[in-house]
Amino acid sequence: MRTRIKSLREDNDLTQNELSKYLNISQVAYSYYELGRRNIPLELLSKLADYYNTSIDYLLLRTDMEKPYPKRKK
């Protein structure tokens, strides 16, 4: 997972600081997620998936399909 979130961040020319502000966490906390020193809470994974327009499964390396799943109808 840390490889995928780092790759997405770099591919989008973002800094850890920019993403940490979006997630409302410290830059150090975000860097720990990229390094695998901490597990990312589900709430933050969801925000990252929405930000990158992808699925949590993609972030967790459960699929290689970057495109998100279709939204459920309510």
N, C-alpha and C. Protein backbone atom coordinates (compact mmCIF):
# COMPACT_ATOMS: atom_id res chain seq x y z
N MET A 1 0.82 -1.19 0.00
CA MET A 1 0.00 0.00 0.00
C MET A 1 0.87 1.25 0.00
N ARG A 2 1.90 1.26 0.79
CA ARG A 2 2.72 2.47 0.87
C ARG A 2 3.29 2.85 -0.48
N THR A 3 3.63 1.84 -1.28
CA THR A 3 4.16 2.11 -2.61
C THR A 3 3.11 2.77 -3.49
N ARG A 4 1.89 2.29 -3.41
CA ARG A 4 0.83 2.82 -4.26
C ARG A 4 0.47 4.25 -3.87
N ILE A 5 0.34 4.55 -2.58
CA ILE A 5 -0.03 5.92 -2.21
C ILE A 5 1.12 6.88 -2.50
N LYS A 6 2.33 6.41 -2.38
CA LYS A 6 3.47 7.26 -2.72
C LYS A 6 3.51 7.50 -4.23
N SER A 7 3.30 6.44 -5.00
CA SER A 7 3.30 6.58 -6.46
C SER A 7 2.21 7.53 -6.94
N LEU A 8 1.02 7.39 -6.38
CA LEU A 8 -0.07 8.29 -6.76
C LEU A 8 0.26 9.73 -6.42
N ARG A 9 0.82 9.93 -5.23
CA ARG A 9 1.18 11.29 -4.82
C ARG A 9 2.22 11.88 -5.78
N GLU A 10 3.24 11.11 -6.08
CA GLU A 10 4.30 11.61 -6.97
C GLU A 10 3.79 11.80 -8.40
N ASP A 11 2.95 10.89 -8.87
CA ASP A 11 2.39 11.02 -10.22
C ASP A 11 1.53 12.27 -10.36
N ASN A 12 0.96 12.73 -9.26
CA ASN A 12 0.12 13.93 -9.27
C ASN A 12 0.88 15.17 -8.82
N ASP A 13 2.21 15.06 -8.75
CA ASP A 13 3.08 16.17 -8.37
C ASP A 13 2.64 16.84 -7.07
N LEU A 14 2.35 16.02 -6.08
CA LEU A 14 1.93 16.53 -4.78
C LEU A 14 3.02 16.28 -3.75
N THR A 15 3.05 17.11 -2.73
CA THR A 15 3.97 16.89 -1.63
C THR A 15 3.23 16.19 -0.50
N GLN A 16 3.98 15.60 0.40
CA GLN A 16 3.36 15.00 1.58
C GLN A 16 2.63 16.08 2.38
N ASN A 17 3.18 17.24 2.42
CA ASN A 17 2.58 18.34 3.17
C ASN A 17 1.21 18.72 2.59
N GLU A 18 1.11 18.77 1.27
CA GLU A 18 -0.17 19.10 0.64
C GLU A 18 -1.23 18.06 0.97
N LEU A 19 -0.86 16.79 0.89
CA LEU A 19 -1.83 15.73 1.20
C LEU A 19 -2.17 15.69 2.67
N SER A 20 -1.19 15.93 3.52
CA SER A 20 -1.47 15.91 4.95
C SER A 20 -2.45 17.02 5.33
N LYS A 21 -2.35 18.16 4.68
CA LYS A 21 -3.32 19.24 4.93
C LYS A 21 -4.71 18.83 4.47
N TYR A 22 -4.80 18.19 3.31
CA TYR A 22 -6.09 17.72 2.81
C TYR A 22 -6.72 16.71 3.77
N LEU A 23 -5.88 15.84 4.33
CA LEU A 23 -6.36 14.80 5.24
C LEU A 23 -6.50 15.29 6.68
N ASN A 24 -6.04 16.51 6.92
CA ASN A 24 -6.09 17.11 8.26
C ASN A 24 -5.27 16.31 9.28
N ILE A 25 -4.06 15.93 8.86
CA ILE A 25 -3.12 15.23 9.72
C ILE A 25 -1.76 15.89 9.56
N SER A 26 -0.81 15.50 10.39
CA SER A 26 0.53 16.07 10.26
C SER A 26 1.27 15.43 9.08
N GLN A 27 2.27 16.12 8.60
CA GLN A 27 3.09 15.59 7.51
C GLN A 27 3.83 14.35 7.98
N VAL A 28 4.25 14.33 9.24
CA VAL A 28 4.96 13.17 9.79
C VAL A 28 4.04 11.95 9.79
N ALA A 29 2.79 12.13 10.20
CA ALA A 29 1.83 11.02 10.20
C ALA A 29 1.66 10.48 8.79
N TYR A 30 1.53 11.39 7.82
CA TYR A 30 1.38 10.93 6.43
C TYR A 30 2.61 10.17 5.97
N SER A 31 3.79 10.66 6.32
CA SER A 31 5.01 9.97 5.89
C SER A 31 5.09 8.57 6.50
N TYR A 32 4.59 8.40 7.73
CA TYR A 32 4.56 7.07 8.35
C TYR A 32 3.66 6.12 7.56
N TYR A 33 2.57 6.64 7.00
CA TYR A 33 1.70 5.80 6.17
C TYR A 33 2.44 5.35 4.92
N GLU A 34 3.15 6.27 4.29
CA GLU A 34 3.90 5.91 3.08
C GLU A 34 5.02 4.92 3.38
N LEU A 35 5.63 5.05 4.54
CA LEU A 35 6.74 4.17 4.91
C LEU A 35 6.27 2.84 5.49
N GLY A 36 4.99 2.72 5.77
CA GLY A 36 4.45 1.50 6.35
C GLY A 36 4.67 1.40 7.84
N ARG A 37 4.99 2.50 8.49
CA ARG A 37 5.20 2.49 9.94
C ARG A 37 3.88 2.54 10.71
N ARG A 38 2.85 3.00 10.04
CA ARG A 38 1.51 3.06 10.61
C ARG A 38 0.51 2.57 9.59
N ASN A 39 -0.57 1.96 10.08
CA ASN A 39 -1.68 1.59 9.20
C ASN A 39 -2.57 2.79 9.00
N ILE A 40 -3.06 2.95 7.78
CA ILE A 40 -3.93 4.08 7.47
C ILE A 40 -5.35 3.76 7.92
N PRO A 41 -5.97 4.63 8.72
CA PRO A 41 -7.36 4.40 9.11
C PRO A 41 -8.28 4.39 7.89
N LEU A 42 -9.35 3.63 7.99
CA LEU A 42 -10.31 3.50 6.90
C LEU A 42 -10.83 4.85 6.42
N GLU A 43 -11.09 5.75 7.35
CA GLU A 43 -11.59 7.08 6.98
C GLU A 43 -10.61 7.81 6.06
N LEU A 44 -9.32 7.70 6.35
CA LEU A 44 -8.32 8.36 5.51
C LEU A 44 -8.13 7.64 4.18
N LEU A 45 -8.22 6.32 4.21
CA LEU A 45 -8.16 5.56 2.95
C LEU A 45 -9.30 5.97 2.03
N SER A 46 -10.47 6.14 2.61
CA SER A 46 -11.63 6.55 1.83
C SER A 46 -11.42 7.94 1.23
N LYS A 47 -10.88 8.85 2.02
CA LYS A 47 -10.62 10.20 1.51
C LYS A 47 -9.58 10.18 0.40
N LEU A 48 -8.54 9.36 0.55
CA LEU A 48 -7.52 9.25 -0.49
C LEU A 48 -8.10 8.64 -1.76
N ALA A 49 -8.93 7.63 -1.62
CA ALA A 49 -9.55 7.00 -2.80
C ALA A 49 -10.42 8.02 -3.53
N ASP A 50 -11.19 8.81 -2.79
CA ASP A 50 -12.01 9.85 -3.41
C ASP A 50 -11.14 10.91 -4.08
N TYR A 51 -10.08 11.31 -3.40
CA TYR A 51 -9.19 12.35 -3.93
C TYR A 51 -8.57 11.92 -5.26
N TYR A 52 -8.12 10.67 -5.33
CA TYR A 52 -7.48 10.16 -6.53
C TYR A 52 -8.47 9.53 -7.51
N ASN A 53 -9.75 9.54 -7.16
CA ASN A 53 -10.79 8.95 -8.00
C ASN A 53 -10.46 7.49 -8.32
N THR A 54 -10.23 6.73 -7.26
CA THR A 54 -9.92 5.32 -7.38
C THR A 54 -10.64 4.56 -6.27
N SER A 55 -10.34 3.29 -6.12
CA SER A 55 -10.98 2.48 -5.08
C SER A 55 -9.99 2.21 -3.94
N ILE A 56 -10.55 1.90 -2.79
CA ILE A 56 -9.71 1.50 -1.66
C ILE A 56 -8.97 0.21 -2.00
N ASP A 57 -9.61 -0.68 -2.74
CA ASP A 57 -8.94 -1.92 -3.16
C ASP A 57 -7.68 -1.62 -3.96
N TYR A 58 -7.73 -0.60 -4.80
CA TYR A 58 -6.55 -0.22 -5.57
C TYR A 58 -5.45 0.27 -4.64
N LEU A 59 -5.82 1.08 -3.65
CA LEU A 59 -4.83 1.58 -2.70
C LEU A 59 -4.23 0.46 -1.87
N LEU A 60 -5.03 -0.57 -1.59
CA LEU A 60 -4.57 -1.70 -0.78
C LEU A 60 -3.90 -2.80 -1.59
N LEU A 61 -3.70 -2.55 -2.87
CA LEU A 61 -3.06 -3.52 -3.79
C LEU A 61 -3.89 -4.79 -3.97
N ARG A 62 -5.19 -4.69 -3.80
CA ARG A 62 -6.07 -5.84 -4.00
C ARG A 62 -6.50 -5.96 -5.46
N THR A 63 -6.29 -4.89 -6.22
CA THR A 63 -6.59 -4.89 -7.65
C THR A 63 -5.60 -3.95 -8.33
N ASP A 64 -5.42 -4.18 -9.61
CA ASP A 64 -4.58 -3.27 -10.40
C ASP A 64 -5.42 -2.34 -11.26
N MET A 65 -6.74 -2.43 -11.11
CA MET A 65 -7.64 -1.56 -11.85
C MET A 65 -7.78 -0.24 -11.10
N GLU A 66 -7.23 0.82 -11.69
CA GLU A 66 -7.23 2.12 -11.02
C GLU A 66 -8.60 2.78 -11.01
N LYS A 67 -9.41 2.47 -12.03
CA LYS A 67 -10.74 3.08 -12.14
C LYS A 67 -11.61 2.64 -10.95
N PRO A 68 -12.33 3.57 -10.32
CA PRO A 68 -13.16 3.20 -9.18
C PRO A 68 -14.38 2.37 -9.60
N TYR A 69 -14.93 1.69 -8.62
CA TYR A 69 -16.15 0.93 -8.86
C TYR A 69 -17.30 1.90 -9.09
N PRO A 70 -18.33 1.48 -9.80
CA PRO A 70 -19.50 2.34 -9.97
C PRO A 70 -20.16 2.60 -8.61
N LYS A 71 -20.71 3.79 -8.45
CA LYS A 71 -21.40 4.15 -7.21
C LYS A 71 -22.69 3.35 -7.09
N ARG A 72 -23.04 3.01 -5.86
CA ARG A 72 -24.29 2.31 -5.60
C ARG A 72 -25.46 3.27 -5.76
N LYS A 73 -26.55 2.74 -6.26
CA LYS A 73 -27.77 3.53 -6.35
C LYS A 73 -28.46 3.50 -5.00
N LYS A 74 -28.97 4.64 -4.59
CA LYS A 74 -29.63 4.72 -3.29
C LYS A 74 -31.09 4.44 -3.40
